[in-house]
């Protein structure tokens, strides 16, 4: 009996990861979203290190190109994630009370006419 091709195994793992990831992301409650975003940013930073290693250690041009693309996409994910997290945290800050409006100044014409 022949072994299953590694390409098929990797494809099955990839499809299952998409399915599980989709269901995990859409079932997160809003209260947990910000802490999970922070953890996701840390994981993406680890992905950058792995992509740099993959790009540096490969010998083919395709491998170097894919590694460089992975570094770029992971960097966009990290920086975008930090921007989104910062905006979400700003939503939870208490707003400063508005200052009282200054008293209306009498017009110059009213002063001269009196």
PDB file of N, CA and C in Angstrom:
ATOM      1  N   UNK A   1       0.850  -1.169   0.000  1.00  0.00           N
ATOM      2  CA  UNK A   1       0.000   0.000   0.000  1.00  0.00           C
ATOM      3  C   UNK A   1       0.900   1.238   0.000  1.00  0.00           C
ATOM      4  N   UNK A   2       0.599   2.165  -0.900  1.00  0.00           N
ATOM      5  CA  UNK A   2       1.391   3.388  -1.012  1.00  0.00           C
ATOM      6  C   UNK A   2       0.998   4.374   0.074  1.00  0.00           C
ATOM      7  N   UNK A   3       1.980   5.096   0.524  1.00  0.00           N
ATOM      8  CA  UNK A   3       1.726   6.131   1.528  1.00  0.00           C
ATOM      9  C   UNK A   3       1.025   7.323   0.869  1.00  0.00           C
ATOM     10  N   UNK A   4       0.314   8.058   1.667  1.00  0.00           N
ATOM     11  CA  UNK A   4      -0.378   9.232   1.159  1.00  0.00           C
ATOM     12  C   UNK A   4       0.652  10.317   0.869  1.00  0.00           C
ATOM     13  N   UNK A   5       0.456  11.003  -0.226  1.00  0.00           N
ATOM     14  CA  UNK A   5       1.384  12.052  -0.636  1.00  0.00           C
ATOM     15  C   UNK A   5       1.447  13.160   0.424  1.00  0.00           C
ATOM     16  N   UNK A   6       2.643  13.659   0.728  1.00  0.00           N
ATOM     17  CA  UNK A   6       2.759  14.758   1.700  1.00  0.00           C
ATOM     18  C   UNK A   6       2.006  16.019   1.257  1.00  0.00           C
ATOM     19  N   UNK A   7       1.879  16.219  -0.038  1.00  0.00           N
ATOM     20  CA  UNK A   7       1.142  17.384  -0.542  1.00  0.00           C
ATOM     21  C   UNK A   7      -0.327  17.293  -0.132  1.00  0.00           C
ATOM     22  N   UNK A   8      -0.893  16.096  -0.223  1.00  0.00           N
ATOM     23  CA  UNK A   8      -2.293  15.894   0.161  1.00  0.00           C
ATOM     24  C   UNK A   8      -2.465  16.109   1.670  1.00  0.00           C
ATOM     25  N   UNK A   9      -1.534  15.590   2.452  1.00  0.00           N
ATOM     26  CA  UNK A   9      -1.600  15.768   3.906  1.00  0.00           C
ATOM     27  C   UNK A   9      -1.525  17.251   4.259  1.00  0.00           C
ATOM     28  N   UNK A  10      -0.599  17.983   3.644  1.00  0.00           N
ATOM     29  CA  UNK A  10      -0.474  19.415   3.906  1.00  0.00           C
ATOM     30  C   UNK A  10      -1.720  20.178   3.461  1.00  0.00           C
ATOM     31  N   UNK A  11      -2.303  19.794   2.356  1.00  0.00           N
ATOM     32  CA  UNK A  11      -3.526  20.449   1.881  1.00  0.00           C
ATOM     33  C   UNK A  11      -4.683  20.209   2.853  1.00  0.00           C
ATOM     34  N   UNK A  12      -4.801  19.001   3.363  1.00  0.00           N
ATOM     35  CA  UNK A  12      -5.860  18.684   4.334  1.00  0.00           C
ATOM     36  C   UNK A  12      -5.665  19.502   5.612  1.00  0.00           C
ATOM     37  N   UNK A  13      -4.439  19.593   6.094  1.00  0.00           N
ATOM     38  CA  UNK A  13      -4.154  20.391   7.294  1.00  0.00           C
ATOM     39  C   UNK A  13      -4.486  21.854   7.050  1.00  0.00           C
ATOM     40  N   UNK A  14      -4.146  22.364   5.877  1.00  0.00           N
ATOM     41  CA  UNK A  14      -4.426  23.758   5.542  1.00  0.00           C
ATOM     42  C   UNK A  14      -5.929  24.038   5.525  1.00  0.00           C
ATOM     43  N   UNK A  15      -6.697  23.167   4.905  1.00  0.00           N
ATOM     44  CA  UNK A  15      -8.154  23.347   4.845  1.00  0.00           C
ATOM     45  C   UNK A  15      -8.772  23.253   6.240  1.00  0.00           C
ATOM     46  N   UNK A  16      -8.329  22.321   7.047  1.00  0.00           N
ATOM     47  CA  UNK A  16      -8.837  22.204   8.413  1.00  0.00           C
ATOM     48  C   UNK A  16      -8.472  23.426   9.255  1.00  0.00           C
ATOM     49  N   UNK A  17      -7.275  23.982   9.051  1.00  0.00           N
ATOM     50  CA  UNK A  17      -6.871  25.182   9.787  1.00  0.00           C
ATOM     51  C   UNK A  17      -7.757  26.364   9.411  1.00  0.00           C
ATOM     52  N   UNK A  18      -8.106  26.478   8.150  1.00  0.00           N
ATOM     53  CA  UNK A  18      -9.016  27.552   7.722  1.00  0.00           C
ATOM     54  C   UNK A  18     -10.380  27.363   8.371  1.00  0.00           C
ATOM     55  N   UNK A  19     -10.892  26.165   8.358  1.00  0.00           N
ATOM     56  CA  UNK A  19     -12.218  25.888   8.931  1.00  0.00           C
ATOM     57  C   UNK A  19     -12.248  26.186  10.434  1.00  0.00           C
ATOM     58  N   UNK A  20     -11.274  25.679  11.147  1.00  0.00           N
ATOM     59  CA  UNK A  20     -11.232  25.887  12.598  1.00  0.00           C
ATOM     60  C   UNK A  20     -11.007  27.372  12.911  1.00  0.00           C
ATOM     61  N   UNK A  21     -10.098  28.007  12.192  1.00  0.00           N
ATOM     62  CA  UNK A  21      -9.830  29.430  12.417  1.00  0.00           C
ATOM     63  C   UNK A  21     -11.054  30.289  12.188  1.00  0.00           C
ATOM     64  N   UNK A  22     -11.802  29.994  11.148  1.00  0.00           N
ATOM     65  CA  UNK A  22     -13.020  30.748  10.852  1.00  0.00           C
ATOM     66  C   UNK A  22     -14.016  30.645  12.005  1.00  0.00           C
ATOM     67  N   UNK A  23     -14.250  29.448  12.482  1.00  0.00           N
ATOM     68  CA  UNK A  23     -15.219  29.253  13.565  1.00  0.00           C
ATOM     69  C   UNK A  23     -14.725  29.818  14.901  1.00  0.00           C
ATOM     70  N   UNK A  24     -13.433  29.775  15.147  1.00  0.00           N
ATOM     71  CA  UNK A  24     -12.907  30.340  16.391  1.00  0.00           C
ATOM     72  C   UNK A  24     -13.035  31.856  16.388  1.00  0.00           C
ATOM     73  N   UNK A  25     -12.707  32.487  15.278  1.00  0.00           N
ATOM     74  CA  UNK A  25     -12.744  33.949  15.203  1.00  0.00           C
ATOM     75  C   UNK A  25     -14.172  34.477  15.320  1.00  0.00           C
ATOM     76  N   UNK A  26     -15.121  33.843  14.668  1.00  0.00           N
ATOM     77  CA  UNK A  26     -16.486  34.379  14.654  1.00  0.00           C
ATOM     78  C   UNK A  26     -17.264  34.069  15.921  1.00  0.00           C
ATOM     79  N   UNK A  27     -16.721  33.257  16.827  1.00  0.00           N
ATOM     80  CA  UNK A  27     -17.436  32.977  18.073  1.00  0.00           C
ATOM     81  C   UNK A  27     -16.833  33.716  19.270  1.00  0.00           C
ATOM     82  N   UNK A  28     -15.872  34.600  19.035  1.00  0.00           N
ATOM     83  CA  UNK A  28     -15.252  35.358  20.126  1.00  0.00           C
ATOM     84  C   UNK A  28     -16.201  36.471  20.565  1.00  0.00           C
ATOM     85  N   UNK A  29     -16.389  36.599  21.877  1.00  0.00           N
ATOM     86  CA  UNK A  29     -17.235  37.678  22.393  1.00  0.00           C
ATOM     87  C   UNK A  29     -16.479  39.000  22.286  1.00  0.00           C
ATOM     88  N   UNK A  30     -17.191  40.119  22.151  1.00  0.00           N
ATOM     89  CA  UNK A  30     -16.509  41.415  22.017  1.00  0.00           C
ATOM     90  C   UNK A  30     -15.598  41.751  23.199  1.00  0.00           C
ATOM     91  N   UNK A  31     -15.926  41.294  24.397  1.00  0.00           N
ATOM     92  CA  UNK A  31     -15.096  41.607  25.564  1.00  0.00           C
ATOM     93  C   UNK A  31     -13.714  40.954  25.474  1.00  0.00           C
ATOM     94  N   UNK A  32     -13.620  39.843  24.777  1.00  0.00           N
ATOM     95  CA  UNK A  32     -12.337  39.150  24.655  1.00  0.00           C
ATOM     96  C   UNK A  32     -11.546  39.570  23.427  1.00  0.00           C
ATOM     97  N   UNK A  33     -12.135  40.388  22.576  1.00  0.00           N
ATOM     98  CA  UNK A  33     -11.487  40.702  21.309  1.00  0.00           C
ATOM     99  C   UNK A  33     -10.158  41.429  21.488  1.00  0.00           C
ATOM    100  N   UNK A  34     -10.107  42.452  22.343  1.00  0.00           N
ATOM    101  CA  UNK A  34      -8.878  43.230  22.507  1.00  0.00           C
ATOM    102  C   UNK A  34      -7.738  42.395  23.092  1.00  0.00           C
ATOM    103  N   UNK A  35      -7.957  41.623  24.166  1.00  0.00           N
ATOM    104  CA  UNK A  35      -6.838  40.796  24.653  1.00  0.00           C
ATOM    105  C   UNK A  35      -6.378  39.758  23.630  1.00  0.00           C
ATOM    106  N   UNK A  36      -7.303  39.210  22.877  1.00  0.00           N
ATOM    107  CA  UNK A  36      -6.918  38.223  21.858  1.00  0.00           C
ATOM    108  C   UNK A  36      -6.136  38.884  20.726  1.00  0.00           C
ATOM    109  N   UNK A  37      -6.478  40.125  20.395  1.00  0.00           N
ATOM    110  CA  UNK A  37      -5.728  40.844  19.367  1.00  0.00           C
ATOM    111  C   UNK A  37      -4.282  41.042  19.812  1.00  0.00           C
ATOM    112  N   UNK A  38      -4.086  41.355  21.087  1.00  0.00           N
ATOM    113  CA  UNK A  38      -2.731  41.555  21.592  1.00  0.00           C
ATOM    114  C   UNK A  38      -1.927  40.258  21.499  1.00  0.00           C
ATOM    115  N   UNK A  39      -2.544  39.142  21.820  1.00  0.00           N
ATOM    116  CA  UNK A  39      -1.859  37.846  21.722  1.00  0.00           C
ATOM    117  C   UNK A  39      -1.578  37.507  20.261  1.00  0.00           C
ATOM    118  N   UNK A  40      -2.516  37.812  19.403  1.00  0.00           N
ATOM    119  CA  UNK A  40      -2.326  37.548  17.976  1.00  0.00           C
ATOM    120  C   UNK A  40      -1.155  38.352  17.431  1.00  0.00           C
ATOM    121  N   UNK A  41      -1.006  39.581  17.897  1.00  0.00           N
ATOM    122  CA  UNK A  41       0.128  40.393  17.459  1.00  0.00           C
ATOM    123  C   UNK A  41       1.445  39.752  17.888  1.00  0.00           C
ATOM    124  N   UNK A  42       1.484  39.200  19.084  1.00  0.00           N
ATOM    125  CA  UNK A  42       2.712  38.537  19.550  1.00  0.00           C
ATOM    126  C   UNK A  42       2.999  37.290  18.711  1.00  0.00           C
ATOM    127  N   UNK A  43       1.971  36.550  18.369  1.00  0.00           N
ATOM    128  CA  UNK A  43       2.163  35.351  17.534  1.00  0.00           C
ATOM    129  C   UNK A  43       2.653  35.757  16.143  1.00  0.00           C
ATOM    130  N   UNK A  44       2.098  36.839  15.604  1.00  0.00           N
ATOM    131  CA  UNK A  44       2.532  37.303  14.288  1.00  0.00           C
ATOM    132  C   UNK A  44       3.992  37.747  14.317  1.00  0.00           C
ATOM    133  N   UNK A  45       4.436  38.290  15.439  1.00  0.00           N
ATOM    134  CA  UNK A  45       5.846  38.656  15.559  1.00  0.00           C
ATOM    135  C   UNK A  45       6.733  37.417  15.498  1.00  0.00           C
ATOM    136  N   UNK A  46       6.260  36.328  16.068  1.00  0.00           N
ATOM    137  CA  UNK A  46       7.005  35.062  15.985  1.00  0.00           C
ATOM    138  C   UNK A  46       7.014  34.557  14.549  1.00  0.00           C
ATOM    139  N   UNK A  47       5.905  34.770  13.841  1.00  0.00           N
ATOM    140  CA  UNK A  47       5.836  34.365  12.433  1.00  0.00           C
ATOM    141  C   UNK A  47       6.868  35.132  11.610  1.00  0.00           C
ATOM    142  N   UNK A  48       7.088  36.407  11.935  1.00  0.00           N
ATOM    143  CA  UNK A  48       8.098  37.192  11.218  1.00  0.00           C
ATOM    144  C   UNK A  48       9.471  36.561  11.386  1.00  0.00           C
ATOM    145  N   UNK A  49       9.799  36.158  12.598  1.00  0.00           N
ATOM    146  CA  UNK A  49      11.106  35.540  12.847  1.00  0.00           C
ATOM    147  C   UNK A  49      11.225  34.232  12.054  1.00  0.00           C
ATOM    148  N   UNK A  50      10.176  33.428  12.068  1.00  0.00           N
ATOM    149  CA  UNK A  50      10.202  32.175  11.311  1.00  0.00           C
ATOM    150  C   UNK A  50      10.310  32.416   9.814  1.00  0.00           C
ATOM    151  N   UNK A  51       9.617  33.436   9.311  1.00  0.00           N
ATOM    152  CA  UNK A  51       9.681  33.738   7.877  1.00  0.00           C
ATOM    153  C   UNK A  51      11.074  34.240   7.489  1.00  0.00           C
ATOM    154  N   UNK A  52      11.697  35.011   8.369  1.00  0.00           N
ATOM    155  CA  UNK A  52      13.071  35.468   8.082  1.00  0.00           C
ATOM    156  C   UNK A  52      14.036  34.284   8.043  1.00  0.00           C
ATOM    157  N   UNK A  53      13.850  33.359   8.969  1.00  0.00           N
ATOM    158  CA  UNK A  53      14.709  32.163   8.957  1.00  0.00           C
ATOM    159  C   UNK A  53      14.471  31.342   7.694  1.00  0.00           C
ATOM    160  N   UNK A  54      13.214  31.186   7.313  1.00  0.00           N
ATOM    161  CA  UNK A  54      12.895  30.410   6.111  1.00  0.00           C
ATOM    162  C   UNK A  54      13.475  31.071   4.871  1.00  0.00           C
ATOM    163  N   UNK A  55      13.381  32.403   4.802  1.00  0.00           N
ATOM    164  CA  UNK A  55      13.913  33.111   3.642  1.00  0.00           C
ATOM    165  C   UNK A  55      15.438  33.042   3.601  1.00  0.00           C
ATOM    166  N   UNK A  56      16.069  33.068   4.758  1.00  0.00           N
ATOM    167  CA  UNK A  56      17.529  33.070   4.795  1.00  0.00           C
ATOM    168  C   UNK A  56      18.122  31.687   4.541  1.00  0.00           C
ATOM    169  N   UNK A  57      17.440  30.646   4.982  1.00  0.00           N
ATOM    170  CA  UNK A  57      18.023  29.305   4.908  1.00  0.00           C
ATOM    171  C   UNK A  57      17.703  28.554   3.619  1.00  0.00           C
ATOM    172  N   UNK A  58      16.781  29.056   2.832  1.00  0.00           N
ATOM    173  CA  UNK A  58      16.433  28.356   1.592  1.00  0.00           C
ATOM    174  C   UNK A  58      17.449  28.679   0.502  1.00  0.00           C
ATOM    175  N   UNK A  59      17.550  27.796  -0.462  1.00  0.00           N
ATOM    176  CA  UNK A  59      18.539  27.977  -1.521  1.00  0.00           C
ATOM    177  C   UNK A  59      17.918  28.377  -2.850  1.00  0.00           C
ATOM    178  N   UNK A  60      16.630  28.176  -3.000  1.00  0.00           N
ATOM    179  CA  UNK A  60      16.005  28.475  -4.288  1.00  0.00           C
ATOM    180  C   UNK A  60      15.487  29.918  -4.319  1.00  0.00           C
ATOM    181  N   UNK A  61      15.354  30.440  -5.522  1.00  0.00           N
ATOM    182  CA  UNK A  61      14.826  31.792  -5.685  1.00  0.00           C
ATOM    183  C   UNK A  61      13.360  31.852  -5.271  1.00  0.00           C
ATOM    184  N   UNK A  62      12.609  30.825  -5.590  1.00  0.00           N
ATOM    185  CA  UNK A  62      11.198  30.783  -5.202  1.00  0.00           C
ATOM    186  C   UNK A  62      11.064  30.787  -3.679  1.00  0.00           C
ATOM    187  N   UNK A  63      11.900  30.026  -3.003  1.00  0.00           N
ATOM    188  CA  UNK A  63      11.860  29.983  -1.546  1.00  0.00           C
ATOM    189  C   UNK A  63      12.192  31.324  -0.924  1.00  0.00           C
ATOM    190  N   UNK A  64      13.206  32.002  -1.470  1.00  0.00           N
ATOM    191  CA  UNK A  64      13.570  33.327  -0.952  1.00  0.00           C
ATOM    192  C   UNK A  64      12.450  34.335  -1.210  1.00  0.00           C
ATOM    193  N   UNK A  65      11.829  34.247  -2.375  1.00  0.00           N
ATOM    194  CA  UNK A  65      10.724  35.160  -2.702  1.00  0.00           C
ATOM    195  C   UNK A  65       9.537  34.917  -1.784  1.00  0.00           C
ATOM    196  N   UNK A  66       9.190  33.661  -1.578  1.00  0.00           N
ATOM    197  CA  UNK A  66       8.057  33.346  -0.697  1.00  0.00           C
ATOM    198  C   UNK A  66       8.369  33.728   0.754  1.00  0.00           C
ATOM    199  N   UNK A  67       9.604  33.529   1.196  1.00  0.00           N
ATOM    200  CA  UNK A  67       9.993  33.930   2.546  1.00  0.00           C
ATOM    201  C   UNK A  67       9.923  35.437   2.725  1.00  0.00           C
ATOM    202  N   UNK A  68      10.378  36.180   1.727  1.00  0.00           N
ATOM    203  CA  UNK A  68      10.304  37.641   1.789  1.00  0.00           C
ATOM    204  C   UNK A  68       8.860  38.111   1.794  1.00  0.00           C
ATOM    205  N   UNK A  69       8.027  37.481   0.988  1.00  0.00           N
ATOM    206  CA  UNK A  69       6.595  37.812   0.968  1.00  0.00           C
ATOM    207  C   UNK A  69       5.954  37.504   2.322  1.00  0.00           C
ATOM    208  N   UNK A  70       6.348  36.395   2.928  1.00  0.00           N
ATOM    209  CA  UNK A  70       5.816  36.038   4.250  1.00  0.00           C
ATOM    210  C   UNK A  70       6.236  37.059   5.300  1.00  0.00           C
ATOM    211  N   UNK A  71       7.478  37.543   5.233  1.00  0.00           N
ATOM    212  CA  UNK A  71       7.933  38.570   6.174  1.00  0.00           C
ATOM    213  C   UNK A  71       7.110  39.843   5.994  1.00  0.00           C
ATOM    214  N   UNK A  72       6.908  40.249   4.753  1.00  0.00           N
ATOM    215  CA  UNK A  72       6.152  41.478   4.481  1.00  0.00           C
ATOM    216  C   UNK A  72       4.709  41.364   4.972  1.00  0.00           C
ATOM    217  N   UNK A  73       4.052  40.258   4.674  1.00  0.00           N
ATOM    218  CA  UNK A  73       2.657  40.094   5.091  1.00  0.00           C
ATOM    219  C   UNK A  73       2.521  39.997   6.604  1.00  0.00           C
ATOM    220  N   UNK A  74       3.446  39.313   7.245  1.00  0.00           N
ATOM    221  CA  UNK A  74       3.395  39.217   8.711  1.00  0.00           C
ATOM    222  C   UNK A  74       3.650  40.578   9.346  1.00  0.00           C
ATOM    223  N   UNK A  75       4.530  41.378   8.760  1.00  0.00           N
ATOM    224  CA  UNK A  75       4.794  42.721   9.291  1.00  0.00           C
ATOM    225  C   UNK A  75       3.554  43.600   9.167  1.00  0.00           C
ATOM    226  N   UNK A  76       2.878  43.521   8.034  1.00  0.00           N
ATOM    227  CA  UNK A  76       1.632  44.275   7.865  1.00  0.00           C
ATOM    228  C   UNK A  76       0.611  43.827   8.902  1.00  0.00           C
ATOM    229  N   UNK A  77       0.549  42.536   9.164  1.00  0.00           N
ATOM    230  CA  UNK A  77      -0.391  42.003  10.148  1.00  0.00           C
ATOM    231  C   UNK A  77      -0.068  42.514  11.559  1.00  0.00           C
ATOM    232  N   UNK A  78       1.208  42.546  11.913  1.00  0.00           N
ATOM    233  CA  UNK A  78       1.598  43.018  13.248  1.00  0.00           C
ATOM    234  C   UNK A  78       1.273  44.489  13.411  1.00  0.00           C
ATOM    235  N   UNK A  79       1.720  45.316  12.489  1.00  0.00           N
ATOM    236  CA  UNK A  79       1.516  46.751  12.634  1.00  0.00           C
ATOM    237  C   UNK A  79       0.043  47.125  12.534  1.00  0.00           C
ATOM    238  N   UNK A  80      -0.680  46.489  11.622  1.00  0.00           N
ATOM    239  CA  UNK A  80      -2.120  46.737  11.527  1.00  0.00           C
ATOM    240  C   UNK A  80      -2.851  46.291  12.781  1.00  0.00           C
ATOM    241  N   UNK A  81      -2.422  45.169  13.344  1.00  0.00           N
ATOM    242  CA  UNK A  81      -3.043  44.677  14.572  1.00  0.00           C
ATOM    243  C   UNK A  81      -2.827  45.621  15.738  1.00  0.00           C
ATOM    244  N   UNK A  82      -1.620  46.190  15.837  1.00  0.00           N
ATOM    245  CA  UNK A  82      -1.366  47.144  16.909  1.00  0.00           C
ATOM    246  C   UNK A  82      -2.188  48.417  16.725  1.00  0.00           C
ATOM    247  N   UNK A  83      -2.353  48.862  15.489  1.00  0.00           N
ATOM    248  CA  UNK A  83      -3.179  50.048  15.240  1.00  0.00           C
ATOM    249  C   UNK A  83      -4.635  49.795  15.624  1.00  0.00           C
ATOM    250  N   UNK A  84      -5.148  48.641  15.239  1.00  0.00           N
ATOM    251  CA  UNK A  84      -6.540  48.314  15.573  1.00  0.00           C
ATOM    252  C   UNK A  84      -6.703  48.180  17.083  1.00  0.00           C
ATOM    253  N   UNK A  85      -5.757  47.529  17.748  1.00  0.00           N
ATOM    254  CA  UNK A  85      -5.838  47.370  19.200  1.00  0.00           C
ATOM    255  C   UNK A  85      -5.817  48.722  19.899  1.00  0.00           C
ATOM    256  N   UNK A  86      -4.950  49.622  19.429  1.00  0.00           N
ATOM    257  CA  UNK A  86      -4.886  50.952  20.042  1.00  0.00           C
ATOM    258  C   UNK A  86      -6.206  51.707  19.859  1.00  0.00           C
ATOM    259  N   UNK A  87      -6.788  51.627  18.682  1.00  0.00           N
ATOM    260  CA  UNK A  87      -8.073  52.305  18.452  1.00  0.00           C
ATOM    261  C   UNK A  87      -9.173  51.714  19.320  1.00  0.00           C
ATOM    262  N   UNK A  88      -9.151  50.400  19.485  1.00  0.00           N
ATOM    263  CA  UNK A  88     -10.178  49.770  20.321  1.00  0.00           C
ATOM    264  C   UNK A  88     -10.013  50.171  21.782  1.00  0.00           C
ATOM    265  N   UNK A  89      -8.776  50.245  22.261  1.00  0.00           N
ATOM    266  CA  UNK A  89      -8.556  50.653  23.653  1.00  0.00           C
ATOM    267  C   UNK A  89      -8.955  52.102  23.877  1.00  0.00           C
ATOM    268  N   UNK A  90      -8.781  52.954  22.874  1.00  0.00           N
ATOM    269  CA  UNK A  90      -9.205  54.348  22.998  1.00  0.00           C
ATOM    270  C   UNK A  90     -10.721  54.457  23.111  1.00  0.00           C
ATOM    271  N   UNK A  91     -11.440  53.507  22.570  1.00  0.00           N
ATOM    272  CA  UNK A  91     -12.901  53.530  22.665  1.00  0.00           C
ATOM    273  C   UNK A  91     -13.357  53.334  24.109  1.00  0.00           C
ATOM    274  N   UNK A  92     -12.554  52.653  24.923  1.00  0.00           N
ATOM    275  CA  UNK A  92     -12.943  52.366  26.294  1.00  0.00           C
ATOM    276  C   UNK A  92     -12.511  53.456  27.277  1.00  0.00           C
ATOM    277  N   UNK A  93     -11.729  54.439  26.812  1.00  0.00           N
ATOM    278  CA  UNK A  93     -11.305  55.517  27.702  1.00  0.00           C
ATOM    279  C   UNK A  93     -12.484  56.432  27.993  1.00  0.00           C
ATOM    280  N   UNK A  94     -12.495  56.960  29.216  1.00  0.00           N
ATOM    281  CA  UNK A  94     -13.555  57.899  29.583  1.00  0.00           C
ATOM    282  C   UNK A  94     -13.275  59.228  28.905  1.00  0.00           C
ATOM    283  N   UNK A  95     -14.328  59.818  28.396  1.00  0.00           N
ATOM    284  CA  UNK A  95     -14.183  61.100  27.739  1.00  0.00           C
ATOM    285  C   UNK A  95     -14.147  62.209  28.782  1.00  0.00           C
ATOM    286  N   UNK A  96     -13.338  63.233  28.542  1.00  0.00           N
ATOM    287  CA  UNK A  96     -13.231  64.362  29.462  1.00  0.00           C
ATOM    288  C   UNK A  96     -14.532  65.165  29.404  1.00  0.00           C
ATOM    289  N   UNK A  97     -14.993  65.661  30.553  1.00  0.00           N
ATOM    290  CA  UNK A  97     -16.224  66.458  30.528  1.00  0.00           C
ATOM    291  C   UNK A  97     -15.990  67.744  29.745  1.00  0.00           C
ATOM    292  N   UNK A  98     -17.027  68.173  29.042  1.00  0.00           N
ATOM    293  CA  UNK A  98     -16.915  69.388  28.243  1.00  0.00           C
ATOM    294  C   UNK A  98     -16.903  70.599  29.167  1.00  0.00           C
ATOM    295  N   UNK A  99     -16.086  71.588  28.825  1.00  0.00           N
ATOM    296  CA  UNK A  99     -16.007  72.817  29.613  1.00  0.00           C
ATOM    297  C   UNK A  99     -17.266  73.642  29.362  1.00  0.00           C
ATOM    298  N   UNK A 100     -17.644  74.411  30.377  1.00  0.00           N
ATOM    299  CA  UNK A 100     -18.834  75.258  30.246  1.00  0.00           C
ATOM    300  C   UNK A 100     -18.573  76.319  29.193  1.00  0.00           C
ATOM    301  N   UNK A 101     -19.607  76.649  28.426  1.00  0.00           N
ATOM    302  CA  UNK A 101     -19.469  77.660  27.378  1.00  0.00           C
ATOM    303  C   UNK A 101     -19.258  79.023  28.018  1.00  0.00           C
ATOM    304  N   UNK A 102     -18.348  79.842  27.483  1.00  0.00           N
ATOM    305  CA  UNK A 102     -18.125  81.175  28.063  1.00  0.00           C
ATOM    306  C   UNK A 102     -19.360  82.050  27.871  1.00  0.00           C
ATOM    307  N   UNK A 103     -19.517  83.002  28.783  1.00  0.00           N
ATOM    308  CA  UNK A 103     -20.677  83.897  28.711  1.00  0.00           C
ATOM    309  C   UNK A 103     -20.595  84.715  27.429  1.00  0.00           C
ATOM    310  N   UNK A 104     -21.754  84.979  26.866  1.00  0.00           N
ATOM    311  CA  UNK A 104     -21.802  85.723  25.608  1.00  0.00           C
ATOM    312  C   UNK A 104     -21.307  87.145  25.834  1.00  0.00           C
ATOM    313  N   UNK A 105     -20.454  87.602  24.933  1.00  0.00           N
ATOM    314  CA  UNK A 105     -19.937  88.970  25.030  1.00  0.00           C
ATOM    315  C   UNK A 105     -20.917  89.922  24.363  1.00  0.00           C
ATOM    316  N   UNK A 106     -21.140  91.060  24.963  1.00  0.00           N
ATOM    317  CA  UNK A 106     -22.019  92.032  24.302  1.00  0.00           C
ATOM    318  C   UNK A 106     -21.330  92.549  23.044  1.00  0.00           C
ATOM    319  N   UNK A 107     -22.104  92.812  22.039  1.00  0.00           N
ATOM    320  CA  UNK A 107     -21.540  93.273  20.789  1.00  0.00           C
ATOM    321  C   UNK A 107     -20.992  94.701  20.927  1.00  0.00           C
ATOM    322  N   UNK A 108     -20.073  94.999  20.060  1.00  0.00           N
ATOM    323  CA  UNK A 108     -19.439  96.314  20.097  1.00  0.00           C
ATOM    324  C   UNK A 108     -20.462  97.422  19.827  1.00  0.00           C
ATOM    325  N   UNK A 109     -21.448  97.154  18.953  1.00  0.00           N
ATOM    326  CA  UNK A 109     -22.460  98.159  18.616  1.00  0.00           C
ATOM    327  C   UNK A 109     -23.315  98.479  19.836  1.00  0.00           C
ATOM    328  N   UNK A 110     -23.609  97.477  20.637  1.00  0.00           N
ATOM    329  CA  UNK A 110     -24.443  97.706  21.823  1.00  0.00           C
ATOM    330  C   UNK A 110     -23.680  98.567  22.822  1.00  0.00           C
ATOM    331  N   UNK A 111     -22.359  98.390  22.924  1.00  0.00           N
ATOM    332  CA  UNK A 111     -21.564  99.181  23.842  1.00  0.00           C
ATOM    333  C   UNK A 111     -21.534 100.660  23.413  1.00  0.00           C
ATOM    334  N   UNK A 112     -21.367 100.892  22.107  1.00  0.00           N
ATOM    335  CA  UNK A 112     -21.255 102.250  21.611  1.00  0.00           C
ATOM    336  C   UNK A 112     -22.595 102.971  21.635  1.00  0.00           C
ATOM    337  N   UNK A 113     -23.676 102.269  21.443  1.00  0.00           N
ATOM    338  CA  UNK A 113     -24.987 102.873  21.405  1.00  0.00           C
ATOM    339  C   UNK A 113     -25.501 103.240  22.788  1.00  0.00           C
ATOM    340  N   UNK A 114     -24.992 102.665  23.826  1.00  0.00           N
ATOM    341  CA  UNK A 114     -25.527 102.917  25.155  1.00  0.00           C
ATOM    342  C   UNK A 114     -24.943 104.144  25.793  1.00  0.00           C
TER     343      UNK A 114
END
